[in-house]
Amino acid sequence: MIDKIKLILSASIALAGVVAFYYLADRPEWMRFSSLLGAFAVAVIIAALSGPGKTAWEFAKSSRVELRKVVWPSNKETVQVTLSVFVIVTLIAIYLWGVDWMLAQGVAALTS
């Protein structure tokens, strides 16, 4: 129950930040953005203190650990794979165009 209250409070504060952003339309931009970002920061902190927020934080931390394990391709490998994909897509497009053309000729022959 406390978690629901925290999440509702967090959403309310975020909404109040959006309302303040539009309410302060005649104020300088820095003031408007400060109110918006401040409200969002408080909302995120309150949401992070809830059960789902803690779960999301743990997920983000474990995702970061997994992301460090990824072996990224080199520039050369990226270019080679990209060119391979372009060539294969072009060949499939030509093949499908040919099949479509043959089917269109067949239907034209049957209907004429």
N, C-alpha and C. Protein backbone atom coordinates (compact mmCIF):
# COMPACT_ATOMS: atom_id res chain seq x y z
N MET A 1 0.83 -1.20 0.00
CA MET A 1 0.00 0.00 0.00
C MET A 1 0.87 1.26 0.00
N ILE A 2 1.95 1.22 0.77
CA ILE A 2 2.86 2.36 0.83
C ILE A 2 3.47 2.61 -0.55
N ASP A 3 3.80 1.52 -1.28
CA ASP A 3 4.38 1.67 -2.61
C ASP A 3 3.42 2.38 -3.55
N LYS A 4 2.15 2.05 -3.47
CA LYS A 4 1.17 2.72 -4.33
C LYS A 4 1.08 4.20 -4.00
N ILE A 5 1.14 4.51 -2.72
CA ILE A 5 1.09 5.92 -2.31
C ILE A 5 2.31 6.66 -2.83
N LYS A 6 3.48 6.04 -2.73
CA LYS A 6 4.70 6.66 -3.24
C LYS A 6 4.62 6.90 -4.74
N LEU A 7 4.11 5.92 -5.48
CA LEU A 7 4.01 6.07 -6.93
C LEU A 7 2.99 7.13 -7.31
N ILE A 8 1.88 7.18 -6.60
CA ILE A 8 0.86 8.22 -6.87
C ILE A 8 1.43 9.59 -6.55
N LEU A 9 2.14 9.71 -5.42
CA LEU A 9 2.77 10.97 -5.06
C LEU A 9 3.80 11.38 -6.10
N SER A 10 4.57 10.42 -6.57
CA SER A 10 5.58 10.70 -7.59
C SER A 10 4.93 11.20 -8.87
N ALA A 11 3.88 10.53 -9.31
CA ALA A 11 3.18 10.96 -10.53
C ALA A 11 2.56 12.33 -10.34
N SER A 12 2.03 12.60 -9.15
CA SER A 12 1.43 13.90 -8.88
C SER A 12 2.47 15.01 -8.93
N ILE A 13 3.65 14.76 -8.37
CA ILE A 13 4.70 15.77 -8.40
C ILE A 13 5.17 16.01 -9.83
N ALA A 14 5.30 14.95 -10.62
CA ALA A 14 5.69 15.11 -12.03
C ALA A 14 4.64 15.92 -12.78
N LEU A 15 3.38 15.64 -12.53
CA LEU A 15 2.30 16.39 -13.16
C LEU A 15 2.31 17.84 -12.71
N ALA A 16 2.60 18.07 -11.43
CA ALA A 16 2.69 19.45 -10.93
C ALA A 16 3.83 20.19 -11.62
N GLY A 17 4.93 19.49 -11.92
CA GLY A 17 6.02 20.12 -12.65
C GLY A 17 5.61 20.54 -14.05
N VAL A 18 4.83 19.70 -14.72
CA VAL A 18 4.35 20.05 -16.07
C VAL A 18 3.40 21.24 -15.99
N VAL A 19 2.51 21.22 -15.00
CA VAL A 19 1.58 22.34 -14.83
C VAL A 19 2.36 23.62 -14.54
N ALA A 20 3.36 23.55 -13.67
CA ALA A 20 4.17 24.73 -13.35
C ALA A 20 4.90 25.23 -14.59
N PHE A 21 5.36 24.32 -15.43
CA PHE A 21 6.05 24.73 -16.66
C PHE A 21 5.14 25.59 -17.52
N TYR A 22 3.89 25.20 -17.68
CA TYR A 22 2.96 25.98 -18.50
C TYR A 22 2.41 27.19 -17.75
N TYR A 23 2.28 27.09 -16.46
CA TYR A 23 1.79 28.21 -15.66
C TYR A 23 2.79 29.36 -15.68
N LEU A 24 4.07 29.04 -15.73
CA LEU A 24 5.12 30.06 -15.73
C LEU A 24 5.50 30.48 -17.15
N ALA A 25 4.53 30.50 -18.05
CA ALA A 25 4.81 30.81 -19.45
C ALA A 25 5.39 32.20 -19.64
N ASP A 26 5.05 33.13 -18.76
CA ASP A 26 5.54 34.50 -18.90
C ASP A 26 6.88 34.72 -18.20
N ARG A 27 7.43 33.69 -17.59
CA ARG A 27 8.72 33.77 -16.89
C ARG A 27 9.85 33.38 -17.82
N PRO A 28 11.09 33.62 -17.42
CA PRO A 28 12.23 33.21 -18.25
C PRO A 28 12.28 31.70 -18.43
N GLU A 29 12.87 31.29 -19.54
CA GLU A 29 12.95 29.86 -19.88
C GLU A 29 13.67 29.05 -18.80
N TRP A 30 14.76 29.61 -18.26
CA TRP A 30 15.51 28.85 -17.26
C TRP A 30 14.66 28.55 -16.04
N MET A 31 13.77 29.46 -15.68
CA MET A 31 12.90 29.24 -14.52
C MET A 31 11.88 28.15 -14.82
N ARG A 32 11.34 28.18 -16.03
CA ARG A 32 10.35 27.17 -16.41
C ARG A 32 10.98 25.78 -16.42
N PHE A 33 12.15 25.66 -17.06
CA PHE A 33 12.81 24.36 -17.14
C PHE A 33 13.31 23.90 -15.78
N SER A 34 13.74 24.84 -14.96
CA SER A 34 14.18 24.46 -13.61
C SER A 34 13.03 23.87 -12.80
N SER A 35 11.86 24.48 -12.91
CA SER A 35 10.72 23.94 -12.17
C SER A 35 10.34 22.56 -12.68
N LEU A 36 10.40 22.39 -13.99
CA LEU A 36 10.06 21.09 -14.58
C LEU A 36 11.08 20.03 -14.18
N LEU A 37 12.36 20.33 -14.35
CA LEU A 37 13.40 19.36 -14.02
C LEU A 37 13.46 19.08 -12.53
N GLY A 38 13.24 20.09 -11.70
CA GLY A 38 13.23 19.89 -10.26
C GLY A 38 12.10 18.97 -9.83
N ALA A 39 10.93 19.19 -10.38
CA ALA A 39 9.79 18.34 -10.04
C ALA A 39 10.04 16.91 -10.51
N PHE A 40 10.59 16.76 -11.71
CA PHE A 40 10.88 15.41 -12.21
C PHE A 40 11.94 14.72 -11.36
N ALA A 41 12.94 15.48 -10.91
CA ALA A 41 13.98 14.88 -10.08
C ALA A 41 13.40 14.38 -8.76
N VAL A 42 12.55 15.20 -8.13
CA VAL A 42 11.92 14.78 -6.88
C VAL A 42 11.02 13.57 -7.12
N ALA A 43 10.28 13.59 -8.24
CA ALA A 43 9.38 12.47 -8.56
C ALA A 43 10.17 11.18 -8.77
N VAL A 44 11.31 11.27 -9.44
CA VAL A 44 12.13 10.07 -9.68
C VAL A 44 12.69 9.54 -8.36
N ILE A 45 13.13 10.45 -7.50
CA ILE A 45 13.67 10.01 -6.21
C ILE A 45 12.59 9.30 -5.38
N ILE A 46 11.41 9.87 -5.35
CA ILE A 46 10.32 9.24 -4.58
C ILE A 46 9.94 7.89 -5.21
N ALA A 47 9.87 7.84 -6.54
CA ALA A 47 9.54 6.58 -7.21
C ALA A 47 10.62 5.53 -6.97
N ALA A 48 11.88 5.97 -6.91
CA ALA A 48 12.98 5.03 -6.69
C ALA A 48 12.95 4.42 -5.30
N LEU A 49 12.30 5.09 -4.37
CA LEU A 49 12.21 4.57 -3.00
C LEU A 49 11.09 3.54 -2.83
N SER A 50 10.27 3.37 -3.86
CA SER A 50 9.19 2.38 -3.78
C SER A 50 9.72 1.01 -4.18
N GLY A 51 8.92 -0.02 -3.94
CA GLY A 51 9.32 -1.38 -4.30
C GLY A 51 9.58 -1.54 -5.79
N PRO A 52 8.64 -1.13 -6.66
CA PRO A 52 8.91 -1.23 -8.10
C PRO A 52 10.10 -0.38 -8.53
N GLY A 53 10.32 0.74 -7.87
CA GLY A 53 11.47 1.58 -8.20
C GLY A 53 12.78 0.90 -7.87
N LYS A 54 12.81 0.23 -6.73
CA LYS A 54 14.02 -0.51 -6.35
C LYS A 54 14.28 -1.65 -7.32
N THR A 55 13.19 -2.33 -7.73
CA THR A 55 13.32 -3.41 -8.70
C THR A 55 13.85 -2.88 -10.04
N ALA A 56 13.32 -1.74 -10.47
CA ALA A 56 13.78 -1.15 -11.73
C ALA A 56 15.24 -0.74 -11.63
N TRP A 57 15.66 -0.21 -10.47
CA TRP A 57 17.06 0.18 -10.30
C TRP A 57 17.98 -1.03 -10.35
N GLU A 58 17.58 -2.12 -9.71
CA GLU A 58 18.38 -3.35 -9.76
C GLU A 58 18.47 -3.87 -11.19
N PHE A 59 17.36 -3.80 -11.92
CA PHE A 59 17.37 -4.22 -13.33
C PHE A 59 18.33 -3.37 -14.15
N ALA A 60 18.32 -2.06 -13.91
CA ALA A 60 19.21 -1.16 -14.64
C ALA A 60 20.67 -1.47 -14.32
N LYS A 61 20.96 -1.75 -13.05
CA LYS A 61 22.35 -2.07 -12.69
C LYS A 61 22.79 -3.37 -13.33
N SER A 62 21.93 -4.39 -13.33
CA SER A 62 22.31 -5.67 -13.94
C SER A 62 22.41 -5.54 -15.46
N SER A 63 21.58 -4.69 -16.06
CA SER A 63 21.67 -4.45 -17.50
C SER A 63 23.00 -3.80 -17.86
N ARG A 64 23.44 -2.89 -17.01
CA ARG A 64 24.72 -2.22 -17.26
C ARG A 64 25.87 -3.23 -17.19
N VAL A 65 25.79 -4.15 -16.24
CA VAL A 65 26.83 -5.18 -16.13
C VAL A 65 26.83 -6.05 -17.38
N GLU A 66 25.66 -6.44 -17.85
CA GLU A 66 25.57 -7.26 -19.05
C GLU A 66 26.05 -6.50 -20.29
N LEU A 67 25.76 -5.21 -20.33
CA LEU A 67 26.19 -4.40 -21.47
C LEU A 67 27.71 -4.32 -21.56
N ARG A 68 28.38 -4.36 -20.43
CA ARG A 68 29.84 -4.34 -20.43
C ARG A 68 30.41 -5.63 -20.99
N LYS A 69 29.64 -6.72 -20.98
CA LYS A 69 30.11 -8.00 -21.48
C LYS A 69 30.00 -8.11 -23.00
N VAL A 70 29.28 -7.19 -23.63
CA VAL A 70 29.05 -7.26 -25.07
C VAL A 70 30.35 -6.97 -25.81
N VAL A 71 30.63 -7.77 -26.82
CA VAL A 71 31.78 -7.53 -27.68
C VAL A 71 31.27 -6.81 -28.92
N TRP A 72 31.65 -5.55 -29.05
CA TRP A 72 31.16 -4.75 -30.15
C TRP A 72 32.01 -5.00 -31.39
N PRO A 73 31.37 -4.99 -32.57
CA PRO A 73 32.14 -5.23 -33.80
C PRO A 73 33.02 -4.04 -34.14
N SER A 74 34.08 -4.33 -34.89
CA SER A 74 34.97 -3.25 -35.33
C SER A 74 34.32 -2.50 -36.49
N ASN A 75 34.93 -1.40 -36.89
CA ASN A 75 34.40 -0.64 -38.03
C ASN A 75 34.40 -1.47 -39.30
N LYS A 76 35.46 -2.23 -39.50
CA LYS A 76 35.56 -3.05 -40.71
C LYS A 76 34.43 -4.09 -40.74
N GLU A 77 34.20 -4.76 -39.62
CA GLU A 77 33.13 -5.76 -39.56
C GLU A 77 31.76 -5.11 -39.79
N THR A 78 31.56 -3.93 -39.22
CA THR A 78 30.28 -3.24 -39.39
C THR A 78 30.03 -2.89 -40.85
N VAL A 79 31.05 -2.38 -41.53
CA VAL A 79 30.91 -2.02 -42.95
C VAL A 79 30.65 -3.27 -43.78
N GLN A 80 31.36 -4.36 -43.50
CA GLN A 80 31.17 -5.59 -44.27
C GLN A 80 29.76 -6.14 -44.10
N VAL A 81 29.27 -6.17 -42.88
CA VAL A 81 27.92 -6.70 -42.64
C VAL A 81 26.88 -5.78 -43.28
N THR A 82 27.06 -4.47 -43.18
CA THR A 82 26.11 -3.53 -43.78
C THR A 82 26.06 -3.71 -45.29
N LEU A 83 27.21 -3.82 -45.92
CA LEU A 83 27.24 -4.03 -47.37
C LEU A 83 26.60 -5.37 -47.75
N SER A 84 26.84 -6.39 -46.95
CA SER A 84 26.22 -7.70 -47.21
C SER A 84 24.71 -7.60 -47.14
N VAL A 85 24.22 -6.89 -46.16
CA VAL A 85 22.77 -6.72 -46.03
C VAL A 85 22.21 -5.97 -47.23
N PHE A 86 22.87 -4.89 -47.65
CA PHE A 86 22.40 -4.14 -48.82
C PHE A 86 22.37 -5.02 -50.07
N VAL A 87 23.40 -5.82 -50.27
CA VAL A 87 23.45 -6.68 -51.45
C VAL A 87 22.33 -7.72 -51.39
N ILE A 88 22.14 -8.36 -50.26
CA ILE A 88 21.10 -9.38 -50.14
C ILE A 88 19.71 -8.77 -50.32
N VAL A 89 19.48 -7.61 -49.73
CA VAL A 89 18.18 -6.95 -49.89
C VAL A 89 17.94 -6.59 -51.34
N THR A 90 18.97 -6.10 -52.03
CA THR A 90 18.83 -5.77 -53.45
C THR A 90 18.52 -7.01 -54.28
N LEU A 91 19.22 -8.11 -54.02
CA LEU A 91 18.96 -9.35 -54.76
C LEU A 91 17.55 -9.87 -54.50
N ILE A 92 17.09 -9.82 -53.28
CA ILE A 92 15.73 -10.29 -52.97
C ILE A 92 14.71 -9.38 -53.63
N ALA A 93 14.98 -8.05 -53.64
CA ALA A 93 14.05 -7.12 -54.29
C ALA A 93 13.95 -7.40 -55.79
N ILE A 94 15.08 -7.68 -56.43
CA ILE A 94 15.07 -8.01 -57.86
C ILE A 94 14.32 -9.32 -58.10
N TYR A 95 14.55 -10.29 -57.25
CA TYR A 95 13.85 -11.57 -57.38
C TYR A 95 12.33 -11.38 -57.24
N LEU A 96 11.92 -10.65 -56.22
CA LEU A 96 10.49 -10.43 -56.02
C LEU A 96 9.89 -9.61 -57.15
N TRP A 97 10.64 -8.66 -57.68
CA TRP A 97 10.16 -7.91 -58.82
C TRP A 97 9.95 -8.84 -60.01
N GLY A 98 10.90 -9.75 -60.22
CA GLY A 98 10.77 -10.71 -61.32
C GLY A 98 9.56 -11.62 -61.15
N VAL A 99 9.36 -12.12 -59.94
CA VAL A 99 8.18 -12.98 -59.68
C VAL A 99 6.91 -12.19 -59.90
N ASP A 100 6.86 -10.97 -59.42
CA ASP A 100 5.68 -10.12 -59.61
C ASP A 100 5.42 -9.87 -61.09
N TRP A 101 6.48 -9.59 -61.84
CA TRP A 101 6.33 -9.34 -63.27
C TRP A 101 5.80 -10.57 -63.98
N MET A 102 6.35 -11.75 -63.63
CA MET A 102 5.88 -12.99 -64.27
C MET A 102 4.42 -13.27 -63.92
N LEU A 103 4.04 -13.06 -62.68
CA LEU A 103 2.64 -13.28 -62.28
C LEU A 103 1.72 -12.29 -63.00
N ALA A 104 2.17 -11.05 -63.13
CA ALA A 104 1.36 -10.05 -63.83
C ALA A 104 1.19 -10.45 -65.30
N GLN A 105 2.25 -10.96 -65.93
CA GLN A 105 2.15 -11.40 -67.31
C GLN A 105 1.21 -12.60 -67.42
N GLY A 106 1.29 -13.51 -66.46
CA GLY A 106 0.41 -14.67 -66.47
C GLY A 106 -1.05 -14.28 -66.31
N VAL A 107 -1.33 -13.37 -65.40
CA VAL A 107 -2.72 -12.91 -65.20
C VAL A 107 -3.18 -12.15 -66.44
N ALA A 108 -2.32 -11.35 -67.03
CA ALA A 108 -2.70 -10.61 -68.25
C ALA A 108 -3.00 -11.56 -69.38
N ALA A 109 -2.23 -12.65 -69.48
CA ALA A 109 -2.45 -13.64 -70.54
C ALA A 109 -3.78 -14.38 -70.32
N LEU A 110 -4.09 -14.67 -69.06
CA LEU A 110 -5.34 -15.38 -68.77
C LEU A 110 -6.57 -14.50 -68.95
N THR A 111 -6.47 -13.23 -68.67
CA THR A 111 -7.63 -12.35 -68.72
C THR A 111 -7.82 -11.67 -70.08
N SER A 112 -6.86 -11.79 -70.99
CA SER A 112 -7.03 -11.11 -72.28
C SER A 112 -7.70 -11.96 -73.31
